[in-house]
């Protein structure tokens, strides 16, 4: 399953002439954007990154879709870390509490969620910079070795 969904597509991109370095950057961008703590904007940010940094669209979007579950896993930790970092009040996460607050003052609920999301975005940026650099260098090494091994297997023996 992993070979079919991850390794074979990477080999395909390498065979098409995509360099290990650009492949590593595209995968890194897709993964880092996947766990942004704002739901519904990852694809738009991926498309922007593809355009601005001239990344391979298929690689970025494939990596983003594979890593997408990280957004759900990391959303609450980003939110709570942002609240802690900025000494902000914790958002109540029960549906009944949020509806109760919305009945009293809808604007305060929108404001509270907006502010906490901004704090979570700050945490995401701070954490993602070193993660992206480490991930890029690790992927570049792995893909380069993978590429060399793949290339040696496809070359005819003399």
N, C-alpha and C. Protein backbone atom coordinates (compact mmCIF):
# COMPACT_ATOMS: atom_id res chain seq x y z
N UNK A 1 0.83 -1.19 0.00
CA UNK A 1 0.00 0.00 0.00
C UNK A 1 0.87 1.26 0.00
N UNK A 2 1.87 1.30 0.88
CA UNK A 2 2.76 2.47 0.93
C UNK A 2 3.54 2.57 -0.37
N UNK A 3 3.97 1.43 -0.87
CA UNK A 3 4.73 1.45 -2.13
C UNK A 3 3.87 2.00 -3.26
N UNK A 4 2.62 1.54 -3.34
CA UNK A 4 1.74 1.95 -4.43
C UNK A 4 1.36 3.43 -4.34
N UNK A 5 1.12 3.92 -3.13
CA UNK A 5 0.61 5.28 -2.96
C UNK A 5 1.68 6.34 -2.77
N UNK A 6 2.86 5.95 -2.31
CA UNK A 6 3.89 6.95 -2.02
C UNK A 6 5.16 6.71 -2.83
N UNK A 7 5.73 5.53 -2.72
CA UNK A 7 7.03 5.27 -3.34
C UNK A 7 6.95 5.27 -4.86
N UNK A 8 5.96 4.58 -5.42
CA UNK A 8 5.83 4.53 -6.88
C UNK A 8 5.63 5.92 -7.50
N UNK A 9 4.76 6.78 -6.92
CA UNK A 9 4.64 8.13 -7.49
C UNK A 9 5.95 8.93 -7.40
N UNK A 10 6.69 8.78 -6.31
CA UNK A 10 7.97 9.48 -6.18
C UNK A 10 8.94 9.00 -7.25
N UNK A 11 9.00 7.67 -7.45
CA UNK A 11 9.85 7.14 -8.52
C UNK A 11 9.43 7.67 -9.88
N UNK A 12 8.13 7.77 -10.09
CA UNK A 12 7.63 8.31 -11.36
C UNK A 12 8.08 9.74 -11.60
N UNK A 13 8.03 10.56 -10.55
CA UNK A 13 8.49 11.95 -10.69
C UNK A 13 9.99 12.01 -10.96
N UNK A 14 10.75 11.15 -10.30
CA UNK A 14 12.20 11.12 -10.52
C UNK A 14 12.51 10.70 -11.96
N UNK A 15 11.75 9.74 -12.48
CA UNK A 15 11.96 9.27 -13.85
C UNK A 15 11.58 10.35 -14.87
N UNK A 16 10.69 11.27 -14.48
CA UNK A 16 10.30 12.36 -15.36
C UNK A 16 11.32 13.49 -15.35
N UNK A 17 12.32 13.38 -14.50
CA UNK A 17 13.36 14.40 -14.46
C UNK A 17 13.25 15.41 -13.34
N UNK A 18 12.32 15.22 -12.41
CA UNK A 18 12.23 16.12 -11.27
C UNK A 18 13.42 15.85 -10.36
N UNK A 19 14.14 16.89 -9.99
CA UNK A 19 15.33 16.70 -9.17
C UNK A 19 14.95 16.33 -7.75
N UNK A 20 15.81 15.57 -7.05
CA UNK A 20 15.53 15.23 -5.65
C UNK A 20 15.31 16.47 -4.78
N UNK A 21 16.03 17.54 -5.06
CA UNK A 21 15.89 18.76 -4.28
C UNK A 21 14.51 19.39 -4.46
N UNK A 22 14.07 19.53 -5.71
CA UNK A 22 12.76 20.14 -5.94
C UNK A 22 11.63 19.22 -5.47
N UNK A 23 11.84 17.93 -5.58
CA UNK A 23 10.87 16.97 -5.08
C UNK A 23 10.75 17.07 -3.56
N UNK A 24 11.89 17.20 -2.89
CA UNK A 24 11.89 17.34 -1.43
C UNK A 24 11.18 18.62 -0.99
N UNK A 25 11.43 19.74 -1.71
CA UNK A 25 10.74 20.99 -1.37
C UNK A 25 9.24 20.88 -1.59
N UNK A 26 8.83 20.25 -2.66
CA UNK A 26 7.41 20.12 -2.95
C UNK A 26 6.71 19.25 -1.90
N UNK A 27 7.33 18.15 -1.52
CA UNK A 27 6.76 17.28 -0.49
C UNK A 27 6.69 18.02 0.84
N UNK A 28 7.76 18.72 1.18
CA UNK A 28 7.80 19.49 2.43
C UNK A 28 6.69 20.53 2.46
N UNK A 29 6.53 21.26 1.38
CA UNK A 29 5.48 22.28 1.33
C UNK A 29 4.10 21.66 1.51
N UNK A 30 3.84 20.56 0.83
CA UNK A 30 2.55 19.89 0.96
C UNK A 30 2.27 19.42 2.37
N UNK A 31 3.27 18.88 3.03
CA UNK A 31 3.10 18.38 4.39
C UNK A 31 2.90 19.53 5.37
N UNK A 32 3.75 20.55 5.29
CA UNK A 32 3.66 21.67 6.24
C UNK A 32 2.35 22.43 6.09
N UNK A 33 1.91 22.60 4.87
CA UNK A 33 0.64 23.30 4.65
C UNK A 33 -0.54 22.43 5.12
N UNK A 34 -0.38 21.12 5.08
CA UNK A 34 -1.48 20.22 5.45
C UNK A 34 -1.94 20.42 6.88
N UNK A 35 -1.04 20.76 7.78
CA UNK A 35 -1.45 20.86 9.19
C UNK A 35 -1.66 22.31 9.66
N UNK A 36 -1.92 23.22 8.74
CA UNK A 36 -2.23 24.60 9.12
C UNK A 36 -3.51 24.60 9.96
N UNK A 37 -3.55 25.36 11.03
CA UNK A 37 -4.71 25.29 11.93
C UNK A 37 -5.90 26.14 11.50
N UNK A 38 -6.14 26.21 10.20
CA UNK A 38 -7.32 26.89 9.67
C UNK A 38 -7.95 25.95 8.65
N UNK A 39 -9.15 25.51 8.94
CA UNK A 39 -9.80 24.54 8.07
C UNK A 39 -10.30 25.21 6.79
N UNK A 40 -10.11 24.51 5.67
CA UNK A 40 -10.66 24.96 4.41
C UNK A 40 -9.76 25.82 3.55
N UNK A 41 -8.53 26.07 3.98
CA UNK A 41 -7.66 26.93 3.17
C UNK A 41 -6.38 26.25 2.69
N UNK A 42 -6.16 25.00 3.07
CA UNK A 42 -4.91 24.33 2.74
C UNK A 42 -4.68 24.24 1.23
N UNK A 43 -5.71 23.88 0.49
CA UNK A 43 -5.54 23.75 -0.96
C UNK A 43 -5.23 25.09 -1.61
N UNK A 44 -5.88 26.14 -1.16
CA UNK A 44 -5.61 27.48 -1.68
C UNK A 44 -4.17 27.90 -1.39
N UNK A 45 -3.70 27.60 -0.20
CA UNK A 45 -2.31 27.93 0.15
C UNK A 45 -1.35 27.07 -0.66
N UNK A 46 -1.69 25.80 -0.87
CA UNK A 46 -0.85 24.94 -1.72
C UNK A 46 -0.74 25.52 -3.13
N UNK A 47 -1.87 25.92 -3.69
CA UNK A 47 -1.85 26.49 -5.04
C UNK A 47 -1.02 27.78 -5.08
N UNK A 48 -1.11 28.58 -4.04
CA UNK A 48 -0.29 29.80 -3.96
C UNK A 48 1.19 29.46 -3.88
N UNK A 49 1.54 28.47 -3.05
CA UNK A 49 2.94 28.05 -2.92
C UNK A 49 3.47 27.48 -4.24
N UNK A 50 2.64 26.72 -4.92
CA UNK A 50 3.02 26.17 -6.22
C UNK A 50 3.35 27.30 -7.19
N UNK A 51 2.52 28.30 -7.22
CA UNK A 51 2.71 29.42 -8.14
C UNK A 51 3.91 30.27 -7.75
N UNK A 52 4.02 30.63 -6.47
CA UNK A 52 5.09 31.53 -6.01
C UNK A 52 6.46 30.86 -6.09
N UNK A 53 6.54 29.61 -5.63
CA UNK A 53 7.85 28.93 -5.56
C UNK A 53 8.10 27.99 -6.73
N UNK A 54 7.18 27.96 -7.69
CA UNK A 54 7.31 27.12 -8.89
C UNK A 54 7.56 25.65 -8.52
N UNK A 55 6.71 25.15 -7.64
CA UNK A 55 6.81 23.76 -7.20
C UNK A 55 5.99 22.86 -8.12
N UNK A 56 6.29 21.59 -8.09
CA UNK A 56 5.56 20.62 -8.88
C UNK A 56 4.16 20.46 -8.28
N UNK A 57 3.12 20.83 -9.01
CA UNK A 57 1.76 20.81 -8.45
C UNK A 57 1.31 19.43 -7.98
N UNK A 58 1.60 18.41 -8.77
CA UNK A 58 1.15 17.07 -8.42
C UNK A 58 1.80 16.60 -7.12
N UNK A 59 3.07 16.89 -6.94
CA UNK A 59 3.79 16.46 -5.75
C UNK A 59 3.25 17.19 -4.52
N UNK A 60 3.09 18.50 -4.62
CA UNK A 60 2.60 19.29 -3.48
C UNK A 60 1.21 18.81 -3.07
N UNK A 61 0.32 18.66 -4.03
CA UNK A 61 -1.05 18.27 -3.71
C UNK A 61 -1.15 16.84 -3.22
N UNK A 62 -0.31 15.94 -3.74
CA UNK A 62 -0.28 14.56 -3.26
C UNK A 62 0.19 14.51 -1.81
N UNK A 63 1.30 15.19 -1.52
CA UNK A 63 1.82 15.23 -0.15
C UNK A 63 0.81 15.87 0.80
N UNK A 64 0.15 16.92 0.34
CA UNK A 64 -0.85 17.61 1.15
C UNK A 64 -2.01 16.69 1.49
N UNK A 65 -2.49 15.94 0.52
CA UNK A 65 -3.61 15.04 0.77
C UNK A 65 -3.23 13.89 1.69
N UNK A 66 -2.01 13.38 1.55
CA UNK A 66 -1.56 12.29 2.41
C UNK A 66 -1.41 12.78 3.85
N UNK A 67 -0.92 14.01 4.03
CA UNK A 67 -0.67 14.55 5.38
C UNK A 67 -1.87 15.28 5.96
N UNK A 68 -2.95 15.40 5.21
CA UNK A 68 -4.12 16.17 5.65
C UNK A 68 -4.66 15.80 7.03
N UNK A 69 -4.68 14.52 7.42
CA UNK A 69 -5.19 14.17 8.76
C UNK A 69 -4.42 14.85 9.90
N UNK A 70 -3.21 15.27 9.64
CA UNK A 70 -2.44 15.99 10.67
C UNK A 70 -3.15 17.28 11.11
N UNK A 71 -3.93 17.88 10.22
CA UNK A 71 -4.64 19.10 10.57
C UNK A 71 -5.60 18.85 11.72
N UNK A 72 -6.29 17.74 11.70
CA UNK A 72 -7.23 17.41 12.76
C UNK A 72 -6.50 17.05 14.05
N UNK A 73 -5.40 16.33 13.91
CA UNK A 73 -4.64 15.91 15.08
C UNK A 73 -3.98 17.10 15.78
N UNK A 74 -3.47 18.05 15.01
CA UNK A 74 -2.69 19.15 15.58
C UNK A 74 -3.50 20.42 15.84
N UNK A 75 -4.76 20.46 15.42
CA UNK A 75 -5.55 21.69 15.58
C UNK A 75 -5.65 22.12 17.04
N UNK A 76 -6.11 21.25 17.89
CA UNK A 76 -6.28 21.60 19.30
C UNK A 76 -4.94 21.92 19.98
N UNK A 77 -3.88 21.14 19.77
CA UNK A 77 -2.59 21.53 20.37
C UNK A 77 -2.10 22.91 19.90
N UNK A 78 -2.28 23.24 18.63
CA UNK A 78 -1.91 24.58 18.16
C UNK A 78 -2.75 25.65 18.85
N UNK A 79 -4.04 25.39 18.95
CA UNK A 79 -4.95 26.36 19.58
C UNK A 79 -4.59 26.57 21.05
N UNK A 80 -4.40 25.48 21.77
CA UNK A 80 -4.07 25.59 23.20
C UNK A 80 -2.70 26.21 23.41
N UNK A 81 -1.75 25.89 22.57
CA UNK A 81 -0.41 26.50 22.69
C UNK A 81 -0.48 27.99 22.41
N UNK A 82 -1.27 28.37 21.41
CA UNK A 82 -1.46 29.79 21.11
C UNK A 82 -2.12 30.53 22.26
N UNK A 83 -3.13 29.90 22.86
CA UNK A 83 -3.80 30.51 24.01
C UNK A 83 -2.82 30.67 25.17
N UNK A 84 -2.01 29.65 25.39
CA UNK A 84 -1.01 29.72 26.47
C UNK A 84 0.04 30.79 26.17
N UNK A 85 0.54 30.80 24.94
CA UNK A 85 1.60 31.74 24.55
C UNK A 85 1.16 33.19 24.69
N UNK A 86 -0.08 33.47 24.34
CA UNK A 86 -0.59 34.84 24.37
C UNK A 86 -1.45 35.12 25.61
N UNK A 87 -1.43 34.20 26.57
CA UNK A 87 -2.23 34.33 27.81
C UNK A 87 -3.69 34.65 27.51
N UNK A 88 -4.22 33.98 26.52
CA UNK A 88 -5.61 34.19 26.10
C UNK A 88 -6.51 33.20 26.83
N UNK A 89 -7.77 33.55 27.01
CA UNK A 89 -8.70 32.60 27.64
C UNK A 89 -8.93 31.39 26.73
N UNK A 90 -9.09 30.23 27.36
CA UNK A 90 -9.34 29.01 26.59
C UNK A 90 -10.76 29.04 26.03
N UNK A 91 -10.88 28.61 24.78
CA UNK A 91 -12.18 28.53 24.13
C UNK A 91 -12.88 27.27 24.63
N UNK A 92 -14.13 27.40 25.05
CA UNK A 92 -14.87 26.19 25.41
C UNK A 92 -15.20 25.40 24.14
N UNK A 93 -14.95 24.11 24.19
CA UNK A 93 -15.12 23.33 22.97
C UNK A 93 -16.35 22.44 22.94
N UNK A 94 -17.20 22.54 23.95
CA UNK A 94 -18.43 21.77 23.83
C UNK A 94 -19.39 22.56 22.93
N UNK A 95 -20.13 21.84 22.15
CA UNK A 95 -21.04 22.47 21.20
C UNK A 95 -22.09 23.29 21.95
N UNK A 96 -22.58 22.76 23.06
CA UNK A 96 -23.61 23.49 23.81
C UNK A 96 -23.08 24.80 24.36
N UNK A 97 -21.83 24.82 24.80
CA UNK A 97 -21.24 26.06 25.32
C UNK A 97 -21.08 27.10 24.20
N UNK A 98 -20.61 26.66 23.06
CA UNK A 98 -20.42 27.60 21.95
C UNK A 98 -21.78 28.15 21.48
N UNK A 99 -22.80 27.27 21.39
CA UNK A 99 -24.14 27.74 21.00
C UNK A 99 -24.72 28.68 22.05
N UNK A 100 -24.47 28.37 23.31
CA UNK A 100 -24.96 29.24 24.38
C UNK A 100 -24.34 30.62 24.31
N UNK A 101 -23.04 30.65 24.06
CA UNK A 101 -22.35 31.94 23.92
C UNK A 101 -22.85 32.68 22.68
N UNK A 102 -23.10 31.94 21.61
CA UNK A 102 -23.56 32.56 20.36
C UNK A 102 -24.95 33.17 20.52
N UNK A 103 -25.79 32.53 21.33
CA UNK A 103 -27.13 33.08 21.58
C UNK A 103 -27.03 34.41 22.33
N UNK A 104 -26.07 34.49 23.25
CA UNK A 104 -25.91 35.72 24.03
C UNK A 104 -25.27 36.83 23.21
N UNK A 105 -24.20 36.50 22.53
CA UNK A 105 -23.49 37.53 21.78
C UNK A 105 -22.69 36.85 20.65
N UNK A 106 -23.27 36.76 19.49
CA UNK A 106 -22.65 36.09 18.35
C UNK A 106 -21.30 36.71 17.99
N UNK A 107 -21.23 38.02 18.02
CA UNK A 107 -19.99 38.70 17.64
C UNK A 107 -18.83 38.32 18.57
N UNK A 108 -19.10 38.14 19.86
CA UNK A 108 -18.02 37.78 20.78
C UNK A 108 -17.49 36.38 20.48
N UNK A 109 -18.38 35.47 20.06
CA UNK A 109 -17.94 34.12 19.70
C UNK A 109 -17.06 34.18 18.45
N UNK A 110 -17.51 34.92 17.45
CA UNK A 110 -16.71 35.07 16.23
C UNK A 110 -15.36 35.70 16.55
N UNK A 111 -15.36 36.72 17.36
CA UNK A 111 -14.12 37.39 17.75
C UNK A 111 -13.20 36.46 18.52
N UNK A 112 -13.77 35.69 19.43
CA UNK A 112 -12.98 34.77 20.23
C UNK A 112 -12.33 33.69 19.36
N UNK A 113 -13.09 33.10 18.46
CA UNK A 113 -12.53 32.07 17.58
C UNK A 113 -11.49 32.66 16.63
N UNK A 114 -11.72 33.85 16.12
CA UNK A 114 -10.78 34.50 15.21
C UNK A 114 -9.46 34.75 15.91
N UNK A 115 -9.51 35.29 17.11
CA UNK A 115 -8.29 35.61 17.86
C UNK A 115 -7.51 34.34 18.19
N UNK A 116 -8.19 33.31 18.64
CA UNK A 116 -7.51 32.05 18.97
C UNK A 116 -6.90 31.41 17.73
N UNK A 117 -7.58 31.53 16.61
CA UNK A 117 -7.04 30.99 15.36
C UNK A 117 -5.78 31.75 14.94
N UNK A 118 -5.79 33.05 15.11
CA UNK A 118 -4.58 33.83 14.81
C UNK A 118 -3.42 33.41 15.71
N UNK A 119 -3.70 33.18 16.98
CA UNK A 119 -2.66 32.71 17.89
C UNK A 119 -2.14 31.34 17.45
N UNK A 120 -3.06 30.47 17.04
CA UNK A 120 -2.66 29.14 16.56
C UNK A 120 -1.81 29.25 15.29
N UNK A 121 -2.14 30.21 14.42
CA UNK A 121 -1.34 30.43 13.20
C UNK A 121 0.09 30.87 13.55
N UNK A 122 0.22 31.71 14.55
CA UNK A 122 1.56 32.13 14.99
C UNK A 122 2.36 30.91 15.44
N UNK A 123 1.74 30.06 16.22
CA UNK A 123 2.41 28.84 16.69
C UNK A 123 2.78 27.97 15.49
N UNK A 124 1.86 27.84 14.53
CA UNK A 124 2.12 27.04 13.34
C UNK A 124 3.35 27.56 12.58
N UNK A 125 3.44 28.87 12.40
CA UNK A 125 4.58 29.46 11.69
C UNK A 125 5.88 29.20 12.44
N UNK A 126 5.86 29.45 13.74
CA UNK A 126 7.07 29.28 14.55
C UNK A 126 7.55 27.83 14.53
N UNK A 127 6.63 26.90 14.64
CA UNK A 127 6.99 25.49 14.65
C UNK A 127 7.33 24.98 13.25
N UNK A 128 6.63 25.48 12.25
CA UNK A 128 6.79 24.95 10.89
C UNK A 128 8.10 25.33 10.22
N UNK A 129 8.67 26.45 10.59
CA UNK A 129 9.94 26.84 9.96
C UNK A 129 11.03 25.81 10.22
N UNK A 130 11.33 25.47 11.49
CA UNK A 130 12.36 24.44 11.69
C UNK A 130 11.94 23.07 11.19
N UNK A 131 10.65 22.73 11.33
CA UNK A 131 10.18 21.43 10.83
C UNK A 131 10.38 21.34 9.32
N UNK A 132 10.06 22.40 8.61
CA UNK A 132 10.20 22.40 7.15
C UNK A 132 11.67 22.24 6.75
N UNK A 133 12.56 22.94 7.43
CA UNK A 133 13.98 22.83 7.09
C UNK A 133 14.52 21.43 7.36
N UNK A 134 14.17 20.88 8.51
CA UNK A 134 14.62 19.52 8.84
C UNK A 134 14.02 18.51 7.87
N UNK A 135 12.73 18.62 7.63
CA UNK A 135 12.04 17.71 6.72
C UNK A 135 12.63 17.78 5.32
N UNK A 136 12.91 18.99 4.84
CA UNK A 136 13.50 19.14 3.51
C UNK A 136 14.84 18.42 3.41
N UNK A 137 15.73 18.66 4.38
CA UNK A 137 17.05 18.05 4.30
C UNK A 137 17.00 16.53 4.44
N UNK A 138 16.13 16.02 5.31
CA UNK A 138 15.98 14.57 5.44
C UNK A 138 15.41 13.98 4.16
N UNK A 139 14.36 14.60 3.63
CA UNK A 139 13.77 14.11 2.38
C UNK A 139 14.75 14.17 1.21
N UNK A 140 15.52 15.24 1.15
CA UNK A 140 16.49 15.38 0.06
C UNK A 140 17.51 14.24 0.10
N UNK A 141 17.98 13.91 1.29
CA UNK A 141 18.95 12.81 1.43
C UNK A 141 18.30 11.48 1.05
N UNK A 142 17.11 11.23 1.58
CA UNK A 142 16.42 9.96 1.31
C UNK A 142 16.08 9.83 -0.17
N UNK A 143 15.55 10.89 -0.75
CA UNK A 143 15.17 10.83 -2.17
C UNK A 143 16.41 10.71 -3.06
N UNK A 144 17.49 11.38 -2.71
CA UNK A 144 18.73 11.26 -3.49
C UNK A 144 19.25 9.82 -3.47
N UNK A 145 19.24 9.22 -2.30
CA UNK A 145 19.69 7.81 -2.19
C UNK A 145 18.73 6.88 -2.92
N UNK A 146 17.45 7.16 -2.77
CA UNK A 146 16.41 6.38 -3.42
C UNK A 146 16.56 6.49 -4.94
N UNK A 147 16.85 7.70 -5.41
CA UNK A 147 17.03 7.96 -6.83
C UNK A 147 18.25 7.22 -7.36
N UNK A 148 19.34 7.28 -6.60
CA UNK A 148 20.57 6.60 -7.03
C UNK A 148 20.36 5.09 -7.08
N UNK A 149 19.68 4.54 -6.08
CA UNK A 149 19.42 3.10 -6.06
C UNK A 149 18.48 2.70 -7.20
N UNK A 150 17.49 3.52 -7.45
CA UNK A 150 16.54 3.25 -8.52
C UNK A 150 17.22 3.33 -9.88
N UNK A 151 18.07 4.32 -10.04
CA UNK A 151 18.78 4.50 -11.30
C UNK A 151 19.73 3.35 -11.56
N UNK A 152 20.42 2.88 -10.53
CA UNK A 152 21.37 1.76 -10.72
C UNK A 152 20.63 0.48 -11.08
N UNK A 153 19.39 0.32 -10.64
CA UNK A 153 18.63 -0.88 -10.98
C UNK A 153 18.10 -0.85 -12.40
N UNK A 154 17.88 0.36 -12.94
CA UNK A 154 17.30 0.46 -14.28
C UNK A 154 18.36 0.51 -15.38
N UNK A 155 19.61 0.81 -15.01
CA UNK A 155 20.67 0.85 -16.01
C UNK A 155 21.10 -0.56 -16.42
N UNK A 156 21.34 -0.77 -17.69
CA UNK A 156 21.78 -2.11 -18.14
C UNK A 156 23.18 -2.41 -17.61
N UNK A 157 23.40 -3.63 -17.26
CA UNK A 157 24.73 -4.05 -16.76
C UNK A 157 25.65 -4.35 -17.93
N UNK A 158 26.94 -4.02 -17.73
CA UNK A 158 27.90 -4.25 -18.81
C UNK A 158 28.81 -5.39 -18.48
